């Protein structure tokens, strides 16, 4: 069993958040019948997946809304102490939070919208932040192959405090002709697990990182063993995976499961309800900044891999015969990848034998 106490002390208690999420899914499902009035139908299995999927007008569409969380606060604090703006990178993180979810139902993003909320519109007067943010958001949309369709930028004094900005948005994506949405229900023993590494913190764990930095004498300017500053490493932008999934969907490979590793870490592999064991025999190198956070927080391996991505940015489960081709597609589209493990018969769980980790289904419930 994992102990997420350190993350809860940082203000992120998944035991509370997940209960509300499950209640929201039930409430949302109760509205599904309204689609009939639009000659549309909900695709069974999309509730609780990374994106909502529906059929309308002969198309299969997916949609998702996501937010970045508190990573923009790190960028604000790093700018204040160094004079270096990393808001273009934070914008990439914001888009990554959105598109890395919507692609995981086997859909290619076509439209991305933005939601930038501040406590004071004066935030935009500092062009080191505002113009960099816009440049990064545009670049991330282009890299994702999607048009930036617009958005909203409210100023919310009294609701948002301080001088920061909240980044969120949504995406509309399309499942290619001849493809079915991917929900993980076809995962079976013998399938292989392919891993694409992360670049660092990605879009999850910022509250924990801020807590740790706040307790260090040099804060975000603390030097890591490599000599890099903690703040700089925390702000390395997330990897955008749409180009990989686009290549995968254009190939003969039929993925059984796709998922970014963000909040909940490896527990996210148990998103499908399928009763199988995911065994990981090979892990990517842990990014230096994540190893530092784990050490400072005093986390066990089990807690770390159930909280942070620990170098695992994206997972793909494919039939055994497709594993090598999946790795090739990743490399052809500009990503590192390797076959990391296998799906076995057994109770719903995730196993990392080399670390003595075994996560059971009762640690991650989606309904």
Protein backbone atom coordinates (compact mmCIF):
# COMPACT_ATOMS: atom_id res chain seq x y z
CA UNK A 1 0.00 0.00 0.00
CA UNK A 2 1.22 3.52 -0.76
CA UNK A 3 1.22 6.35 1.74
CA UNK A 4 0.40 9.71 0.19
CA UNK A 5 0.66 11.63 3.44
CA UNK A 6 3.36 13.99 2.18
CA UNK A 7 1.25 15.01 -0.80
CA UNK A 8 -1.77 15.49 1.44
CA UNK A 9 0.28 17.78 3.68
CA UNK A 10 1.04 19.83 0.57
CA UNK A 11 -2.71 20.43 0.23
CA UNK A 12 -3.64 17.74 -2.31
CA UNK A 13 -5.75 15.05 -0.64
CA UNK A 14 -6.85 12.59 -3.32
CA UNK A 15 -9.02 10.69 -0.84
CA UNK A 16 -11.30 13.74 -0.84
CA UNK A 17 -10.85 14.79 -4.47
CA UNK A 18 -11.51 11.31 -5.85
CA UNK A 19 -14.77 10.91 -3.94
CA UNK A 20 -16.05 14.17 -5.40
CA UNK A 21 -14.87 13.14 -8.87
CA UNK A 22 -16.77 9.86 -8.61
CA UNK A 23 -19.91 11.72 -7.52
CA UNK A 24 -19.47 14.11 -10.46
CA UNK A 25 -19.19 11.20 -12.90
CA UNK A 26 -22.47 9.75 -11.58
CA UNK A 27 -24.25 13.11 -11.85
CA UNK A 28 -22.89 13.71 -15.34
CA UNK A 29 -23.94 10.25 -16.51
CA UNK A 30 -27.51 11.05 -15.48
CA UNK A 31 -27.63 13.69 -18.25
CA UNK A 32 -26.57 11.34 -21.07
CA UNK A 33 -30.11 10.93 -22.41
CA UNK A 34 -30.14 14.56 -23.49
CA UNK A 35 -27.90 13.66 -26.44
CA UNK A 36 -30.86 12.03 -28.18
CA UNK A 37 -32.31 15.46 -28.79
CA UNK A 38 -29.26 16.25 -30.92
CA UNK A 39 -29.24 12.96 -32.86
CA UNK A 40 -26.09 12.08 -30.95
CA UNK A 41 -25.11 9.14 -28.74
CA UNK A 42 -22.62 8.67 -25.95
CA UNK A 43 -19.91 6.10 -26.63
CA UNK A 44 -20.17 3.44 -23.95
CA UNK A 45 -17.06 3.28 -21.82
CA UNK A 46 -16.03 6.92 -22.04
CA UNK A 47 -17.32 7.83 -18.58
CA UNK A 48 -14.31 7.82 -16.25
CA UNK A 49 -11.83 7.72 -19.12
CA UNK A 50 -9.44 10.54 -19.99
CA UNK A 51 -11.97 12.23 -22.31
CA UNK A 52 -15.69 12.14 -23.09
CA UNK A 53 -16.56 10.52 -26.43
CA UNK A 54 -19.74 10.81 -28.50
CA UNK A 55 -21.01 9.97 -31.95
CA UNK A 56 -22.67 12.75 -33.93
CA UNK A 57 -23.16 13.39 -37.63
CA UNK A 58 -21.16 10.33 -38.61
CA UNK A 59 -18.14 11.48 -36.58
CA UNK A 60 -16.71 10.16 -33.33
CA UNK A 61 -15.59 13.14 -31.26
CA UNK A 62 -13.77 13.45 -27.95
CA UNK A 63 -13.68 16.40 -25.61
CA UNK A 64 -11.89 17.24 -22.39
CA UNK A 65 -11.35 20.19 -20.05
CA UNK A 66 -8.20 20.33 -17.94
CA UNK A 67 -6.22 22.71 -15.75
CA UNK A 68 -2.53 22.99 -14.96
CA UNK A 69 -2.77 23.51 -11.23
CA UNK A 70 -0.13 25.48 -9.35
CA UNK A 71 2.88 25.14 -11.66
CA UNK A 72 2.40 28.73 -12.82
CA UNK A 73 3.06 29.82 -9.23
CA UNK A 74 6.55 28.30 -9.52
CA UNK A 75 7.10 30.35 -12.67
CA UNK A 76 5.98 33.52 -10.86
CA UNK A 77 8.33 32.86 -7.96
CA UNK A 78 11.24 31.92 -10.23
CA UNK A 79 10.83 35.09 -12.26
CA UNK A 80 10.82 37.14 -9.05
CA UNK A 81 14.11 35.69 -7.78
CA UNK A 82 16.00 35.33 -11.08
CA UNK A 83 14.43 37.73 -13.58
CA UNK A 84 14.07 34.79 -15.99
CA UNK A 85 10.64 34.22 -17.53
CA UNK A 86 9.60 30.61 -18.04
CA UNK A 87 6.00 31.39 -18.95
CA UNK A 88 6.35 30.03 -22.47
CA UNK A 89 7.25 26.70 -20.90
CA UNK A 90 4.36 26.90 -18.45
CA UNK A 91 2.00 27.51 -21.37
CA UNK A 92 3.27 24.30 -22.96
CA UNK A 93 2.47 22.56 -19.68
CA UNK A 94 -1.06 23.95 -19.81
CA UNK A 95 -1.63 22.58 -23.30
CA UNK A 96 -0.01 19.27 -22.34
CA UNK A 97 -2.47 18.82 -19.46
CA UNK A 98 -5.27 19.04 -22.02
CA UNK A 99 -4.01 17.23 -25.11
CA UNK A 100 -2.22 14.37 -23.37
CA UNK A 101 -5.61 13.43 -21.93
CA UNK A 102 -7.72 13.77 -25.06
CA UNK A 103 -5.36 11.73 -27.23
CA UNK A 104 -5.61 8.87 -24.76
CA UNK A 105 -9.00 7.78 -26.06
CA UNK A 106 -7.40 7.34 -29.48
CA UNK A 107 -8.33 10.74 -30.88
CA UNK A 108 -6.39 13.47 -32.64
CA UNK A 109 -6.89 17.01 -31.26
CA UNK A 110 -8.26 19.51 -33.78
CA UNK A 111 -9.25 22.51 -31.60
CA UNK A 112 -7.75 23.79 -28.33
CA UNK A 113 -9.22 26.63 -26.29
CA UNK A 114 -7.59 28.56 -23.47
CA UNK A 115 -8.77 29.77 -20.06
CA UNK A 116 -6.42 32.25 -18.38
CA UNK A 117 -7.79 33.55 -15.07
CA UNK A 118 -6.11 36.19 -12.91
CA UNK A 119 -6.94 38.03 -9.73
CA UNK A 120 -5.95 41.30 -11.38
CA UNK A 121 -5.85 42.17 -15.09
CA UNK A 122 -2.63 44.06 -14.38
CA UNK A 123 -0.89 40.67 -14.61
CA UNK A 124 -0.84 41.08 -18.38
CA UNK A 125 1.07 44.37 -18.22
CA UNK A 126 4.33 42.50 -17.67
CA UNK A 127 5.18 41.35 -21.18
CA UNK A 128 7.83 38.99 -19.85
CA UNK A 129 4.89 36.95 -18.66
CA UNK A 130 1.97 37.72 -20.97
CA UNK A 131 3.70 37.64 -24.35
CA UNK A 132 5.78 34.62 -23.39
CA UNK A 133 2.62 32.82 -22.29
CA UNK A 134 0.92 33.48 -25.62
CA UNK A 135 4.00 32.40 -27.59
CA UNK A 136 4.22 29.14 -25.67
CA UNK A 137 0.52 28.36 -26.00
CA UNK A 138 0.64 28.91 -29.77
CA UNK A 139 3.76 26.78 -30.13
CA UNK A 140 2.19 23.95 -28.13
CA UNK A 141 -0.98 24.05 -30.22
CA UNK A 142 1.09 23.86 -33.39
CA UNK A 143 3.15 20.97 -32.04
CA UNK A 144 -0.11 19.20 -31.12
CA UNK A 145 -1.49 19.69 -34.64
CA UNK A 146 -4.50 21.65 -33.40
CA UNK A 147 -5.87 25.12 -34.03
CA UNK A 148 -6.06 27.54 -31.10
CA UNK A 149 -9.75 28.28 -31.28
CA UNK A 150 -10.01 31.08 -28.74
CA UNK A 151 -10.81 31.15 -25.05
CA UNK A 152 -11.49 33.32 -22.03
CA UNK A 153 -9.30 35.51 -19.80
CA UNK A 154 -11.32 36.66 -16.79
CA UNK A 155 -10.01 38.86 -13.99
CA UNK A 156 -11.47 37.58 -10.73
CA UNK A 157 -10.55 39.88 -7.83
CA UNK A 158 -11.76 38.49 -4.54
CA UNK A 159 -11.84 34.98 -5.96
CA UNK A 160 -8.22 34.60 -7.01
CA UNK A 161 -5.70 36.19 -4.70
CA UNK A 162 -2.20 37.40 -5.39
CA UNK A 163 -0.69 38.25 -8.74
CA UNK A 164 -0.70 34.78 -10.29
CA UNK A 165 -2.54 33.21 -13.20
CA UNK A 166 -4.58 30.02 -13.48
CA UNK A 167 -4.12 28.15 -16.75
CA UNK A 168 -6.73 25.77 -18.09
CA UNK A 169 -8.53 24.97 -21.31
CA UNK A 170 -10.28 22.36 -23.39
CA UNK A 171 -9.82 20.34 -26.54
CA UNK A 172 -12.01 18.84 -29.23
CA UNK A 173 -10.57 15.80 -30.96
CA UNK A 174 -11.65 13.32 -33.60
CA UNK A 175 -11.28 9.55 -33.70
CA UNK A 176 -9.97 8.68 -37.20
CA UNK A 177 -12.18 6.79 -39.63
CA UNK A 178 -11.82 3.06 -39.20
CA UNK A 179 -10.77 3.40 -35.59
CA UNK A 180 -12.62 2.72 -32.37
CA UNK A 181 -12.09 4.78 -29.20
CA UNK A 182 -9.55 3.35 -26.76
CA UNK A 183 -10.77 2.83 -23.19
CA UNK A 184 -8.59 -0.05 -21.97
CA UNK A 185 -11.37 -2.62 -21.99
CA UNK A 186 -9.50 -4.77 -24.52
CA UNK A 187 -6.34 -5.17 -22.45
CA UNK A 188 -5.54 -8.87 -22.00
CA UNK A 189 -2.78 -11.08 -20.64
CA UNK A 190 0.17 -11.24 -23.01
CA UNK A 191 -0.09 -7.61 -24.08
CA UNK A 192 3.09 -5.56 -23.83
CA UNK A 193 3.57 -2.25 -22.02
CA UNK A 194 5.49 0.44 -23.90
CA UNK A 195 6.77 3.47 -21.97
CA UNK A 196 7.63 6.93 -23.30
CA UNK A 197 9.79 8.83 -20.77
CA UNK A 198 8.89 12.17 -19.22
CA UNK A 199 11.00 15.31 -19.18
CA UNK A 200 10.62 15.95 -15.45
CA UNK A 201 7.80 17.19 -13.22
CA UNK A 202 5.29 17.54 -16.08
CA UNK A 203 1.82 18.70 -14.92
CA UNK A 204 1.55 17.02 -11.53
CA UNK A 205 3.29 17.51 -8.20
CA UNK A 206 3.74 21.27 -8.21
CA UNK A 207 2.13 21.75 -4.79
CA UNK A 208 4.54 19.23 -3.30
CA UNK A 209 7.48 20.84 -5.09
CA UNK A 210 6.53 24.29 -3.78
CA UNK A 211 6.24 22.94 -0.25
CA UNK A 212 9.70 21.40 -0.47
CA UNK A 213 11.28 24.48 -2.04
CA UNK A 214 9.73 26.67 0.65
CA UNK A 215 11.57 24.67 3.33
CA UNK A 216 14.99 24.98 1.69
CA UNK A 217 17.36 27.86 2.60
CA UNK A 218 17.91 28.77 -1.05
CA UNK A 219 14.39 27.92 -2.18
CA UNK A 220 14.02 27.61 -5.94
CA UNK A 221 17.67 28.60 -6.35
CA UNK A 222 18.82 25.45 -4.54
CA UNK A 223 21.44 23.66 -6.62
CA UNK A 224 20.76 20.10 -7.70
CA UNK A 225 23.71 17.67 -7.89
CA UNK A 226 24.16 18.56 -11.58
CA UNK A 227 24.49 22.25 -10.70
CA UNK A 228 21.11 23.21 -12.17
CA UNK A 229 18.79 25.29 -10.03
CA UNK A 230 15.76 23.53 -8.60
CA UNK A 231 13.37 26.12 -10.03
CA UNK A 232 14.79 25.83 -13.53
CA UNK A 233 14.47 22.05 -13.48
CA UNK A 234 10.94 22.13 -12.11
CA UNK A 235 9.92 24.36 -15.03
CA UNK A 236 11.19 22.09 -17.79
CA UNK A 237 8.13 21.84 -20.06
CA UNK A 238 6.05 18.70 -20.31
CA UNK A 239 6.35 16.41 -23.28
CA UNK A 240 3.45 16.75 -25.73
CA UNK A 241 2.52 13.27 -26.98
CA UNK A 242 -0.06 13.97 -29.77
CA UNK A 243 2.45 13.46 -32.60
CA UNK A 244 3.18 9.97 -31.30
CA UNK A 245 -0.49 9.02 -30.97
CA UNK A 246 -1.23 10.51 -34.39
CA UNK A 247 1.48 8.27 -35.86
CA UNK A 248 0.19 5.28 -33.94
CA UNK A 249 -3.39 5.81 -35.19
CA UNK A 250 -2.14 6.12 -38.77
CA UNK A 251 -0.43 2.73 -38.51
CA UNK A 252 -1.84 -0.82 -38.38
CA UNK A 253 -1.14 -0.97 -34.62
CA UNK A 254 -4.28 -1.33 -32.49
CA UNK A 255 -3.53 0.07 -29.02
CA UNK A 256 -5.48 -1.47 -26.16
CA UNK A 257 -4.75 1.30 -23.65
CA UNK A 258 -3.22 4.78 -23.73
CA UNK A 259 -2.57 7.00 -20.72
CA UNK A 260 -0.34 9.84 -19.47
CA UNK A 261 1.20 9.25 -16.05
CA UNK A 262 0.27 12.31 -14.01
CA UNK A 263 -1.61 12.47 -10.70
CA UNK A 264 -1.62 9.07 -8.94
CA UNK A 265 1.53 8.00 -10.80
CA UNK A 266 1.53 4.33 -11.74
CA UNK A 267 -1.88 3.85 -10.15
CA UNK A 268 -3.25 5.44 -13.34
CA UNK A 269 -2.44 2.21 -15.16
CA UNK A 270 -5.41 0.72 -13.34
CA UNK A 271 -7.85 3.16 -14.94
CA UNK A 272 -9.46 0.32 -16.94
CA UNK A 273 -11.61 -2.00 -14.86
CA UNK A 274 -10.07 -5.04 -16.57
CA UNK A 275 -8.86 -7.65 -14.06
CA UNK A 276 -5.21 -8.00 -15.08
CA UNK A 277 -1.79 -7.35 -13.55
CA UNK A 278 0.50 -4.78 -15.20
CA UNK A 279 4.09 -5.93 -14.58
CA UNK A 280 6.87 -3.42 -15.23
CA UNK A 281 10.29 -5.02 -15.58
CA UNK A 282 12.10 -1.95 -16.88
CA UNK A 283 11.85 1.65 -15.75
CA UNK A 284 13.20 4.85 -17.28
CA UNK A 285 15.87 6.85 -15.49
CA UNK A 286 14.32 9.02 -12.81
CA UNK A 287 14.75 12.70 -13.75
CA UNK A 288 17.15 14.41 -11.37
CA UNK A 289 14.56 16.88 -10.13
CA UNK A 290 12.09 14.13 -9.22
CA UNK A 291 14.74 12.16 -7.39
CA UNK A 292 15.56 15.30 -5.43
CA UNK A 293 11.92 15.85 -4.47
CA UNK A 294 11.54 12.26 -3.36
CA UNK A 295 14.67 12.47 -1.22
CA UNK A 296 13.64 15.76 0.37
CA UNK A 297 10.13 14.49 1.08
CA UNK A 298 11.40 11.22 2.53
CA UNK A 299 9.12 9.21 0.26
CA UNK A 300 9.37 5.47 -0.12
CA UNK A 301 9.54 4.03 -3.64
CA UNK A 302 5.91 2.97 -3.33
CA UNK A 303 4.80 6.47 -2.36
CA UNK A 304 6.95 8.15 -5.01
CA UNK A 305 5.67 6.04 -7.90
CA UNK A 306 2.07 6.59 -6.77
CA UNK A 307 2.52 10.37 -6.58
CA UNK A 308 4.95 11.56 -9.30
CA UNK A 309 5.60 10.30 -12.82
CA UNK A 310 9.16 9.24 -11.84
CA UNK A 311 10.26 9.43 -15.47
CA UNK A 312 7.28 7.60 -16.97
CA UNK A 313 5.53 10.14 -19.15
CA UNK A 314 3.16 8.01 -21.18
CA UNK A 315 2.18 4.34 -21.32
CA UNK A 316 0.81 2.31 -24.19
CA UNK A 317 -0.52 -1.24 -23.96
CA UNK A 318 -0.50 -3.11 -27.27
CA UNK A 319 -0.68 -6.71 -28.47
CA UNK A 320 2.68 -8.44 -28.19
CA UNK A 321 3.15 -8.51 -31.98
CA UNK A 322 2.77 -4.71 -32.11
CA UNK A 323 5.24 -3.82 -29.35
CA UNK A 324 8.36 -3.36 -31.47
CA UNK A 325 6.44 -1.41 -34.12
CA UNK A 326 5.04 0.87 -31.42
CA UNK A 327 8.58 1.67 -30.26
CA UNK A 328 9.57 2.37 -33.87
CA UNK A 329 6.62 4.73 -34.37
CA UNK A 330 7.59 6.61 -31.22
CA UNK A 331 11.14 7.06 -32.45
CA UNK A 332 10.00 8.02 -35.96
CA UNK A 333 7.82 10.77 -34.44
CA UNK A 334 10.58 12.10 -32.19
CA UNK A 335 10.19 10.26 -28.89
CA UNK A 336 12.22 7.82 -26.86
CA UNK A 337 10.38 4.60 -26.05
CA UNK A 338 10.98 1.04 -24.93
CA UNK A 339 9.08 -2.12 -24.04
CA UNK A 340 8.83 -1.94 -20.25
CA UNK A 341 6.74 -4.92 -19.26
CA UNK A 342 3.85 -7.26 -19.83
CA UNK A 343 0.23 -7.72 -18.88
CA UNK A 344 -0.40 -10.87 -16.86
CA UNK A 345 -3.42 -12.81 -15.70
CA UNK A 346 -4.27 -11.93 -12.13
CA UNK A 347 -6.11 -9.44 -9.96
CA UNK A 348 -6.21 -5.80 -11.10
CA UNK A 349 -2.85 -4.47 -9.95
CA UNK A 350 0.46 -2.89 -10.94
CA UNK A 351 3.69 -4.64 -10.07
CA UNK A 352 7.29 -3.38 -10.17
CA UNK A 353 9.28 -6.42 -8.98
CA UNK A 354 12.67 -4.65 -8.99
CA UNK A 355 11.39 -2.15 -6.41
CA UNK A 356 9.21 -4.57 -4.47
CA UNK A 357 6.10 -2.50 -5.37
CA UNK A 358 2.63 -3.98 -5.75
CA UNK A 359 -0.34 -1.62 -6.08
CA UNK A 360 -3.74 -3.25 -5.69
CA UNK A 361 -7.07 -2.21 -7.19
CA UNK A 362 -8.46 -0.80 -3.95
CA UNK A 363 -5.82 1.94 -4.12
CA UNK A 364 -7.27 3.38 -7.34
CA UNK A 365 -11.03 3.39 -7.93
CA UNK A 366 -12.62 5.26 -10.79
CA UNK A 367 -16.30 4.61 -10.10
